Amino acid sequence: MSIPDKIYCLEITLMPLSELIVRQAHKSNVRWFTYPFIPPTTFSGFLHSVIFKDNLNNFIERNNGITRRIEDICGDAYSLGAYPPVANEKIKVCEHYRQHFDKQFNYESLCWTSEQNKKLAVVEYFWANVLRGFVISEHKNILREIRKGVDGRVARIGKKGSVQIVGSKLYSLNLEKTGGVEWCSTIAPVETVTEFAIDSTIYIVPISSQKNEGNGNRTPQWKLQGVMFGVKISPPYYKDPLTKTVFPVEIVKLVKGI
């Protein structure tokens, strides 16, 4: 599968209505680390629920093994996630303590296996005024159909939080193989990053998911990738100068499985 010279993008504007918690793939059971953005898999499941009105909880959690992906229904449409419009700035991640009330606490066991195994957890969450969500496709009509079902909707997202879809726009991005360094609108695989702040974080993020139904195991399988956020990248990338949107080619290849 080759990389196209042009792709279409449906940008969906989300207004958070609360703090957001999207637990990281390598969280601990006493420290709930959050991503300061909405990963591609979470945003894909969110849109699946919004568009097709799933009677499911809108969580990044495993939902009893049910995997929701917009590409399963819409075909050639892939989620890139949703992000605060950040350029060389840090999203403030706050913390609070969450106590599961019980008579006994046990910090030696790895899992909450009984009522006597509750822990005092440190929970991270983040705030953002707005999030830019991105869905890409080589076919403009597919994104037009998705757009019809999203404007104005309110739904839960991630482990904890709610957002309202307050707008959307459809445009194209061209593949640029030469050019200058640009701010990346999404996460960027570590190997594609050109410039970053000295205290930048590398996140292990689920880029795509698939069902694993062999031997009765319905647990979804994530494809994880080391990425950075709020960084600059060099070509090749997809770019639309009017909206100042830039995607690294590698993230497009990863979500499409190329």
C-alpha atoms as a PDB file:
ATOM      1  CA  MET A   1       0.000   0.000   0.000  1.00  0.00           C
ATOM      2  CA  SER A   2       1.559   3.280  -1.142  1.00  0.00           C
ATOM      3  CA  ILE A   3       1.440   6.681   0.488  1.00  0.00           C
ATOM      4  CA  PRO A   4      -0.950   9.018  -1.388  1.00  0.00           C
ATOM      5  CA  ASP A   5       0.124  12.480  -2.508  1.00  0.00           C
ATOM      6  CA  LYS A   6      -3.014  13.975  -0.941  1.00  0.00           C
ATOM      7  CA  ILE A   7      -5.270  12.989   1.931  1.00  0.00           C
ATOM      8  CA  TYR A   8      -8.511  14.459   3.223  1.00  0.00           C
ATOM      9  CA  CYS A   9      -8.969  15.413   6.849  1.00  0.00           C
ATOM     10  CA  LEU A  10     -12.100  15.901   8.923  1.00  0.00           C
ATOM     11  CA  GLU A  11     -11.111  18.141  11.822  1.00  0.00           C
ATOM     12  CA  ILE A  12     -13.553  17.858  14.725  1.00  0.00           C
ATOM     13  CA  THR A  13     -13.491  20.523  17.444  1.00  0.00           C
ATOM     14  CA  LEU A  14     -14.150  19.217  20.953  1.00  0.00           C
ATOM     15  CA  MET A  15     -14.992  21.388  23.958  1.00  0.00           C
ATOM     16  CA  PRO A  16     -14.191  19.550  27.210  1.00  0.00           C
ATOM     17  CA  LEU A  17     -16.967  19.846  29.785  1.00  0.00           C
ATOM     18  CA  SER A  18     -14.894  18.465  32.661  1.00  0.00           C
ATOM     19  CA  GLU A  19     -11.420  17.307  33.533  1.00  0.00           C
ATOM     20  CA  LEU A  20     -10.214  14.445  31.333  1.00  0.00           C
ATOM     21  CA  ILE A  21      -8.571  11.189  32.354  1.00  0.00           C
ATOM     22  CA  VAL A  22      -7.248   8.875  29.650  1.00  0.00           C
ATOM     23  CA  ARG A  23      -5.177   6.312  31.493  1.00  0.00           C
ATOM     24  CA  GLN A  24      -1.841   5.419  29.949  1.00  0.00           C
ATOM     25  CA  ALA A  25      -1.244   1.910  28.677  1.00  0.00           C
ATOM     26  CA  HIS A  26       1.487   1.343  31.280  1.00  0.00           C
ATOM     27  CA  LYS A  27      -0.342   2.789  34.265  1.00  0.00           C
ATOM     28  CA  SER A  28       0.120   1.327  37.719  1.00  0.00           C
ATOM     29  CA  ASN A  29      -2.697   0.385  40.055  1.00  0.00           C
ATOM     30  CA  VAL A  30      -1.756   3.082  42.578  1.00  0.00           C
ATOM     31  CA  ARG A  31      -0.719   5.808  40.089  1.00  0.00           C
ATOM     32  CA  TRP A  32      -3.116   6.520  37.253  1.00  0.00           C
ATOM     33  CA  PHE A  33      -1.022   8.339  34.650  1.00  0.00           C
ATOM     34  CA  THR A  34      -3.031  10.188  32.012  1.00  0.00           C
ATOM     35  CA  TYR A  35      -2.170  11.184  28.480  1.00  0.00           C
ATOM     36  CA  PRO A  36      -2.481  14.990  28.010  1.00  0.00           C
ATOM     37  CA  PHE A  37      -4.388  14.289  24.774  1.00  0.00           C
ATOM     38  CA  ILE A  38      -6.841  11.766  23.316  1.00  0.00           C
ATOM     39  CA  PRO A  39      -4.980   8.840  21.672  1.00  0.00           C
ATOM     40  CA  PRO A  40      -6.027   7.562  18.232  1.00  0.00           C
ATOM     41  CA  THR A  41      -7.705   4.419  19.613  1.00  0.00           C
ATOM     42  CA  THR A  42      -9.733   6.353  22.196  1.00  0.00           C
ATOM     43  CA  PHE A  43     -10.896   8.930  19.670  1.00  0.00           C
ATOM     44  CA  SER A  44     -11.820   6.185  17.220  1.00  0.00           C
ATOM     45  CA  GLY A  45     -13.976   4.443  19.828  1.00  0.00           C
ATOM     46  CA  PHE A  46     -15.513   7.756  20.863  1.00  0.00           C
ATOM     47  CA  LEU A  47     -16.548   8.559  17.289  1.00  0.00           C
ATOM     48  CA  HIS A  48     -17.882   5.033  16.816  1.00  0.00           C
ATOM     49  CA  SER A  49     -20.162   5.541  19.818  1.00  0.00           C
ATOM     50  CA  VAL A  50     -21.216   9.042  18.750  1.00  0.00           C
ATOM     51  CA  ILE A  51     -21.978   8.183  15.133  1.00  0.00           C
ATOM     52  CA  PHE A  52     -23.495   4.739  15.577  1.00  0.00           C
ATOM     53  CA  LYS A  53     -24.978   5.337  19.041  1.00  0.00           C
ATOM     54  CA  ASP A  54     -23.423   2.286  20.654  1.00  0.00           C
ATOM     55  CA  ASN A  55     -25.029   1.183  23.884  1.00  0.00           C
ATOM     56  CA  LEU A  56     -21.580   0.927  25.411  1.00  0.00           C
ATOM     57  CA  ASN A  57     -19.584   2.885  27.954  1.00  0.00           C
ATOM     58  CA  ASN A  58     -17.288   5.357  26.222  1.00  0.00           C
ATOM     59  CA  PHE A  59     -14.136   4.229  27.984  1.00  0.00           C
ATOM     60  CA  ILE A  60     -10.601   3.483  26.833  1.00  0.00           C
ATOM     61  CA  GLU A  61     -10.959   0.500  29.174  1.00  0.00           C
ATOM     62  CA  ARG A  62     -11.551  -2.881  27.610  1.00  0.00           C
ATOM     63  CA  ASN A  63     -15.356  -2.931  27.559  1.00  0.00           C
ATOM     64  CA  ASN A  64     -15.476  -6.714  28.029  1.00  0.00           C
ATOM     65  CA  GLY A  65     -13.292  -7.263  25.000  1.00  0.00           C
ATOM     66  CA  ILE A  66     -15.345  -5.226  22.546  1.00  0.00           C
ATOM     67  CA  THR A  67     -13.182  -3.221  20.137  1.00  0.00           C
ATOM     68  CA  ARG A  68     -14.761  -0.198  18.444  1.00  0.00           C
ATOM     69  CA  ARG A  69     -13.036   1.265  15.392  1.00  0.00           C
ATOM     70  CA  ILE A  70     -14.527   3.656  12.875  1.00  0.00           C
ATOM     71  CA  GLU A  71     -12.694   1.909  10.042  1.00  0.00           C
ATOM     72  CA  ASP A  72     -14.706  -1.258  10.707  1.00  0.00           C
ATOM     73  CA  ILE A  73     -17.878   0.603   9.743  1.00  0.00           C
ATOM     74  CA  CYS A  74     -16.727   3.488   7.552  1.00  0.00           C
ATOM     75  CA  GLY A  75     -14.007   1.718   5.608  1.00  0.00           C
ATOM     76  CA  ASP A  76     -11.162   4.016   4.616  1.00  0.00           C
ATOM     77  CA  ALA A  77     -11.333   6.367   7.623  1.00  0.00           C
ATOM     78  CA  TYR A  78      -8.737   6.447  10.381  1.00  0.00           C
ATOM     79  CA  SER A  79      -8.478   8.331  13.653  1.00  0.00           C
ATOM     80  CA  LEU A  80      -5.329  10.301  14.477  1.00  0.00           C
ATOM     81  CA  GLY A  81      -6.555  11.333  17.943  1.00  0.00           C
ATOM     82  CA  ALA A  82      -7.496  14.705  19.454  1.00  0.00           C
ATOM     83  CA  TYR A  83      -5.056  17.255  20.829  1.00  0.00           C
ATOM     84  CA  PRO A  84      -4.823  20.653  22.518  1.00  0.00           C
ATOM     85  CA  PRO A  85      -3.434  23.240  20.056  1.00  0.00           C
ATOM     86  CA  VAL A  86      -0.010  23.318  21.684  1.00  0.00           C
ATOM     87  CA  ALA A  87       3.265  24.607  20.275  1.00  0.00           C
ATOM     88  CA  ASN A  88       6.226  24.365  22.623  1.00  0.00           C
ATOM     89  CA  GLU A  89       3.944  24.632  25.649  1.00  0.00           C
ATOM     90  CA  LYS A  90       3.104  22.182  28.375  1.00  0.00           C
ATOM     91  CA  ILE A  91      -0.368  20.922  29.170  1.00  0.00           C
ATOM     92  CA  LYS A  92      -0.829  21.137  32.914  1.00  0.00           C
ATOM     93  CA  VAL A  93      -1.468  17.734  34.424  1.00  0.00           C
ATOM     94  CA  CYS A  94      -2.988  17.883  37.898  1.00  0.00           C
ATOM     95  CA  GLU A  95      -3.338  15.231  40.567  1.00  0.00           C
ATOM     96  CA  HIS A  96      -5.801  14.228  43.223  1.00  0.00           C
ATOM     97  CA  TYR A  97      -6.029  11.342  45.663  1.00  0.00           C
ATOM     98  CA  ARG A  98      -8.738   8.754  45.271  1.00  0.00           C
ATOM     99  CA  GLN A  99      -9.529   6.510  48.203  1.00  0.00           C
ATOM    100  CA  HIS A 100     -11.579   3.346  47.824  1.00  0.00           C
ATOM    101  CA  PHE A 101     -13.121   3.106  51.253  1.00  0.00           C
ATOM    102  CA  ASP A 102     -12.701  -0.190  53.031  1.00  0.00           C
ATOM    103  CA  LYS A 103     -11.408  -1.563  56.287  1.00  0.00           C
ATOM    104  CA  GLN A 104      -8.080  -2.873  55.028  1.00  0.00           C
ATOM    105  CA  PHE A 105      -5.525  -1.691  52.485  1.00  0.00           C
ATOM    106  CA  ASN A 106      -2.860  -3.851  50.889  1.00  0.00           C
ATOM    107  CA  TYR A 107      -0.068  -2.311  48.808  1.00  0.00           C
ATOM    108  CA  GLU A 108       1.814  -5.561  48.236  1.00  0.00           C
ATOM    109  CA  SER A 109      -0.549  -7.233  45.790  1.00  0.00           C
ATOM    110  CA  LEU A 110      -0.524  -6.171  42.130  1.00  0.00           C
ATOM    111  CA  CYS A 111      -4.256  -6.353  41.494  1.00  0.00           C
ATOM    112  CA  TRP A 112      -7.466  -5.517  43.286  1.00  0.00           C
ATOM    113  CA  THR A 113      -8.397  -9.141  43.849  1.00  0.00           C
ATOM    114  CA  SER A 114     -10.585  -8.785  46.908  1.00  0.00           C
ATOM    115  CA  GLU A 115     -12.437  -6.319  49.060  1.00  0.00           C
ATOM    116  CA  GLN A 116      -9.424  -6.264  51.376  1.00  0.00           C
ATOM    117  CA  ASN A 117      -7.085  -5.154  48.602  1.00  0.00           C
ATOM    118  CA  LYS A 118      -8.076  -1.525  48.044  1.00  0.00           C
ATOM    119  CA  LYS A 119      -5.459   1.176  47.659  1.00  0.00           C
ATOM    120  CA  LEU A 120      -5.128   4.912  47.967  1.00  0.00           C
ATOM    121  CA  ALA A 121      -4.518   5.929  44.341  1.00  0.00           C
ATOM    122  CA  VAL A 122      -2.918   9.061  42.920  1.00  0.00           C
ATOM    123  CA  VAL A 123      -4.996  10.061  39.891  1.00  0.00           C
ATOM    124  CA  GLU A 124      -3.773  12.411  37.158  1.00  0.00           C
ATOM    125  CA  TYR A 125      -6.087  14.448  34.967  1.00  0.00           C
ATOM    126  CA  PHE A 126      -5.735  17.310  32.515  1.00  0.00           C
ATOM    127  CA  TRP A 127      -7.708  20.329  31.414  1.00  0.00           C
ATOM    128  CA  ALA A 128      -7.891  21.912  27.964  1.00  0.00           C
ATOM    129  CA  ASN A 129     -10.081  24.669  26.553  1.00  0.00           C
ATOM    130  CA  VAL A 130     -10.394  22.938  23.207  1.00  0.00           C
ATOM    131  CA  LEU A 131      -9.220  19.786  21.447  1.00  0.00           C
ATOM    132  CA  ARG A 132      -8.593  19.326  17.732  1.00  0.00           C
ATOM    133  CA  GLY A 133      -9.631  15.846  16.612  1.00  0.00           C
ATOM    134  CA  PHE A 134      -8.481  14.456  13.265  1.00  0.00           C
ATOM    135  CA  VAL A 135      -9.929  11.739  11.018  1.00  0.00           C
ATOM    136  CA  ILE A 136      -8.225  11.072   7.687  1.00  0.00           C
ATOM    137  CA  SER A 137      -9.235   9.311   4.496  1.00  0.00           C
ATOM    138  CA  GLU A 138      -8.342   9.166   0.832  1.00  0.00           C
ATOM    139  CA  HIS A 139     -12.050   9.516   0.038  1.00  0.00           C
ATOM    140  CA  LYS A 140     -13.746  12.829   0.755  1.00  0.00           C
ATOM    141  CA  ASN A 141     -17.273  11.385   0.655  1.00  0.00           C
ATOM    142  CA  ILE A 142     -16.563   9.060   3.582  1.00  0.00           C
ATOM    143  CA  LEU A 143     -15.587  12.001   5.767  1.00  0.00           C
ATOM    144  CA  ARG A 144     -18.672  13.917   4.640  1.00  0.00           C
ATOM    145  CA  GLU A 145     -20.869  11.084   5.905  1.00  0.00           C
ATOM    146  CA  ILE A 146     -19.043  11.001   9.241  1.00  0.00           C
ATOM    147  CA  ARG A 147     -19.437  14.754   9.571  1.00  0.00           C
ATOM    148  CA  LYS A 148     -23.225  14.491   9.323  1.00  0.00           C
ATOM    149  CA  GLY A 149     -23.420  12.492  12.545  1.00  0.00           C
ATOM    150  CA  VAL A 150     -21.113  14.386  14.883  1.00  0.00           C
ATOM    151  CA  ASP A 151     -21.925  18.114  15.155  1.00  0.00           C
ATOM    152  CA  GLY A 152     -23.444  19.131  18.471  1.00  0.00           C
ATOM    153  CA  ARG A 153     -23.139  15.746  20.141  1.00  0.00           C
ATOM    154  CA  VAL A 154     -22.158  15.367  23.811  1.00  0.00           C
ATOM    155  CA  ALA A 155     -20.603  12.148  25.097  1.00  0.00           C
ATOM    156  CA  ARG A 156     -18.219  10.698  27.626  1.00  0.00           C
ATOM    157  CA  ILE A 157     -14.653  10.037  26.584  1.00  0.00           C
ATOM    158  CA  GLY A 158     -11.693   8.229  28.119  1.00  0.00           C
ATOM    159  CA  LYS A 159     -11.719   6.902  31.665  1.00  0.00           C
ATOM    160  CA  LYS A 160     -13.383  10.037  32.975  1.00  0.00           C
ATOM    161  CA  GLY A 161     -14.610  13.141  31.233  1.00  0.00           C
ATOM    162  CA  SER A 162     -17.188  14.536  28.845  1.00  0.00           C
ATOM    163  CA  VAL A 163     -16.848  16.615  25.696  1.00  0.00           C
ATOM    164  CA  GLN A 164     -19.147  18.372  23.277  1.00  0.00           C
ATOM    165  CA  ILE A 165     -18.495  18.461  19.552  1.00  0.00           C
ATOM    166  CA  VAL A 166     -18.842  22.152  18.716  1.00  0.00           C
ATOM    167  CA  GLY A 167     -17.691  22.237  15.113  1.00  0.00           C
ATOM    168  CA  SER A 168     -16.009  20.479  12.214  1.00  0.00           C
ATOM    169  CA  LYS A 169     -14.348  21.282   8.917  1.00  0.00           C
ATOM    170  CA  LEU A 170     -13.166  19.286   5.945  1.00  0.00           C
ATOM    171  CA  TYR A 171     -10.010  20.026   4.001  1.00  0.00           C
ATOM    172  CA  SER A 172      -7.127  18.354   2.197  1.00  0.00           C
ATOM    173  CA  LEU A 173      -3.432  18.048   2.994  1.00  0.00           C
ATOM    174  CA  ASN A 174      -0.667  17.575   0.475  1.00  0.00           C
ATOM    175  CA  LEU A 175       2.377  15.373   0.902  1.00  0.00           C
ATOM    176  CA  GLU A 176       5.524  17.478   1.143  1.00  0.00           C
ATOM    177  CA  LYS A 177       8.868  15.710   0.829  1.00  0.00           C
ATOM    178  CA  THR A 178      10.945  18.866   1.144  1.00  0.00           C
ATOM    179  CA  GLY A 179      10.513  21.961   3.244  1.00  0.00           C
ATOM    180  CA  GLY A 180      11.236  23.466   6.622  1.00  0.00           C
ATOM    181  CA  VAL A 181      10.681  22.310  10.187  1.00  0.00           C
ATOM    182  CA  GLU A 182       7.013  22.530  11.270  1.00  0.00           C
ATOM    183  CA  TRP A 183       5.036  22.193  14.474  1.00  0.00           C
ATOM    184  CA  CYS A 184       3.301  18.815  14.541  1.00  0.00           C
ATOM    185  CA  SER A 185      -0.474  18.939  15.078  1.00  0.00           C
ATOM    186  CA  THR A 186      -0.607  15.391  16.437  1.00  0.00           C
ATOM    187  CA  ILE A 187       1.695  13.046  18.271  1.00  0.00           C
ATOM    188  CA  ALA A 188       4.860  12.195  16.371  1.00  0.00           C
ATOM    189  CA  PRO A 189       6.860   8.946  16.481  1.00  0.00           C
ATOM    190  CA  VAL A 190      10.103   9.603  18.316  1.00  0.00           C
ATOM    191  CA  GLU A 191      12.262   8.907  15.272  1.00  0.00           C
ATOM    192  CA  THR A 192      10.501  11.668  13.288  1.00  0.00           C
ATOM    193  CA  VAL A 193      11.020  14.442  15.861  1.00  0.00           C
ATOM    194  CA  THR A 194      13.442  17.219  14.893  1.00  0.00           C
ATOM    195  CA  GLU A 195      13.105  19.710  17.767  1.00  0.00           C
ATOM    196  CA  PHE A 196      11.705  19.308  21.279  1.00  0.00           C
ATOM    197  CA  ALA A 197      11.898  20.927  24.702  1.00  0.00           C
ATOM    198  CA  ILE A 198      14.516  19.614  27.101  1.00  0.00           C
ATOM    199  CA  ASP A 199      11.824  18.341  29.484  1.00  0.00           C
ATOM    200  CA  SER A 200       9.616  16.740  26.829  1.00  0.00           C
ATOM    201  CA  THR A 201       8.045  13.376  27.607  1.00  0.00           C
ATOM    202  CA  ILE A 202       8.065  10.194  25.553  1.00  0.00           C
ATOM    203  CA  TYR A 203       4.663   8.486  25.729  1.00  0.00           C
ATOM    204  CA  ILE A 204       3.856   4.874  24.897  1.00  0.00           C
ATOM    205  CA  VAL A 205       0.559   5.279  23.055  1.00  0.00           C
ATOM    206  CA  PRO A 206      -1.918   2.797  21.530  1.00  0.00           C
ATOM    207  CA  ILE A 207      -1.985   3.765  17.845  1.00  0.00           C
ATOM    208  CA  SER A 208      -4.342   1.074  16.595  1.00  0.00           C
ATOM    209  CA  SER A 209      -6.235  -1.903  17.938  1.00  0.00           C
ATOM    210  CA  GLN A 210      -7.527  -5.227  16.712  1.00  0.00           C
ATOM    211  CA  LYS A 211      -9.670  -8.025  18.046  1.00  0.00           C
ATOM    212  CA  ASN A 212      -8.048 -11.133  19.432  1.00  0.00           C
ATOM    213  CA  GLU A 213     -10.670 -13.865  19.406  1.00  0.00           C
ATOM    214  CA  GLY A 214      -8.414 -16.905  19.246  1.00  0.00           C
ATOM    215  CA  ASN A 215      -8.896 -19.579  21.911  1.00  0.00           C
ATOM    216  CA  GLY A 216     -11.838 -17.700  23.366  1.00  0.00           C
ATOM    217  CA  ASN A 217      -9.698 -14.652  24.218  1.00  0.00           C
ATOM    218  CA  ARG A 218     -11.668 -11.504  23.396  1.00  0.00           C
ATOM    219  CA  THR A 219      -9.119  -9.090  24.815  1.00  0.00           C
ATOM    220  CA  PRO A 220      -8.238  -6.334  22.302  1.00  0.00           C
ATOM    221  CA  GLN A 221      -4.645  -6.102  21.167  1.00  0.00           C
ATOM    222  CA  TRP A 222      -3.063  -2.660  20.971  1.00  0.00           C
ATOM    223  CA  LYS A 223      -0.277  -1.587  18.665  1.00  0.00           C
ATOM    224  CA  LEU A 224       1.888   0.615  20.881  1.00  0.00           C
ATOM    225  CA  GLN A 225       4.293   3.290  19.703  1.00  0.00           C
ATOM    226  CA  GLY A 226       6.771   5.622  21.407  1.00  0.00           C
ATOM    227  CA  VAL A 227       5.724   9.183  20.553  1.00  0.00           C
ATOM    228  CA  MET A 228       6.174  12.816  21.585  1.00  0.00           C
ATOM    229  CA  PHE A 229       3.719  15.725  21.633  1.00  0.00           C
ATOM    230  CA  GLY A 230       4.193  19.474  21.119  1.00  0.00           C
ATOM    231  CA  VAL A 231       7.289  19.039  18.955  1.00  0.00           C
ATOM    232  CA  LYS A 232       8.640  20.014  15.544  1.00  0.00           C
ATOM    233  CA  ILE A 233       9.099  17.619  12.645  1.00  0.00           C
ATOM    234  CA  SER A 234      10.810  17.670   9.261  1.00  0.00           C
ATOM    235  CA  PRO A 235       9.525  16.359   5.911  1.00  0.00           C
ATOM    236  CA  PRO A 236       8.066  14.129   4.737  1.00  0.00           C
ATOM    237  CA  TYR A 237       4.779  15.291   6.204  1.00  0.00           C
ATOM    238  CA  TYR A 238       1.246  16.170   5.180  1.00  0.00           C
ATOM    239  CA  LYS A 239       0.484  19.870   5.419  1.00  0.00           C
ATOM    240  CA  ASP A 240      -2.370  22.318   4.964  1.00  0.00           C
ATOM    241  CA  PRO A 241      -1.007  25.888   5.276  1.00  0.00           C
ATOM    242  CA  LEU A 242      -4.443  27.480   5.733  1.00  0.00           C
ATOM    243  CA  THR A 243      -5.316  25.544   8.895  1.00  0.00           C
ATOM    244  CA  LYS A 244      -1.664  25.149   9.950  1.00  0.00           C
ATOM    245  CA  THR A 245      -2.204  21.403  10.205  1.00  0.00           C
ATOM    246  CA  VAL A 246       0.809  19.111   9.864  1.00  0.00           C
ATOM    247  CA  PHE A 247       0.861  15.310  10.204  1.00  0.00           C
ATOM    248  CA  PRO A 248       4.023  13.194  10.007  1.00  0.00           C
ATOM    249  CA  VAL A 249       3.845  10.596   7.263  1.00  0.00           C
ATOM    250  CA  GLU A 250       4.846   7.920   9.768  1.00  0.00           C
ATOM    251  CA  ILE A 251       1.759   8.428  11.961  1.00  0.00           C
ATOM    252  CA  VAL A 252      -0.452   8.069   8.888  1.00  0.00           C
ATOM    253  CA  LYS A 253       1.325   4.837   7.966  1.00  0.00           C
ATOM    254  CA  LEU A 254       0.949   3.486  11.492  1.00  0.00           C
ATOM    255  CA  VAL A 255      -2.805   4.066  11.809  1.00  0.00           C
ATOM    256  CA  LYS A 256      -3.409   2.650   8.323  1.00  0.00           C
ATOM    257  CA  GLY A 257      -1.188  -0.368   8.953  1.00  0.00           C
ATOM    258  CA  ILE A 258       1.102   0.382   5.998  1.00  0.00           C
END
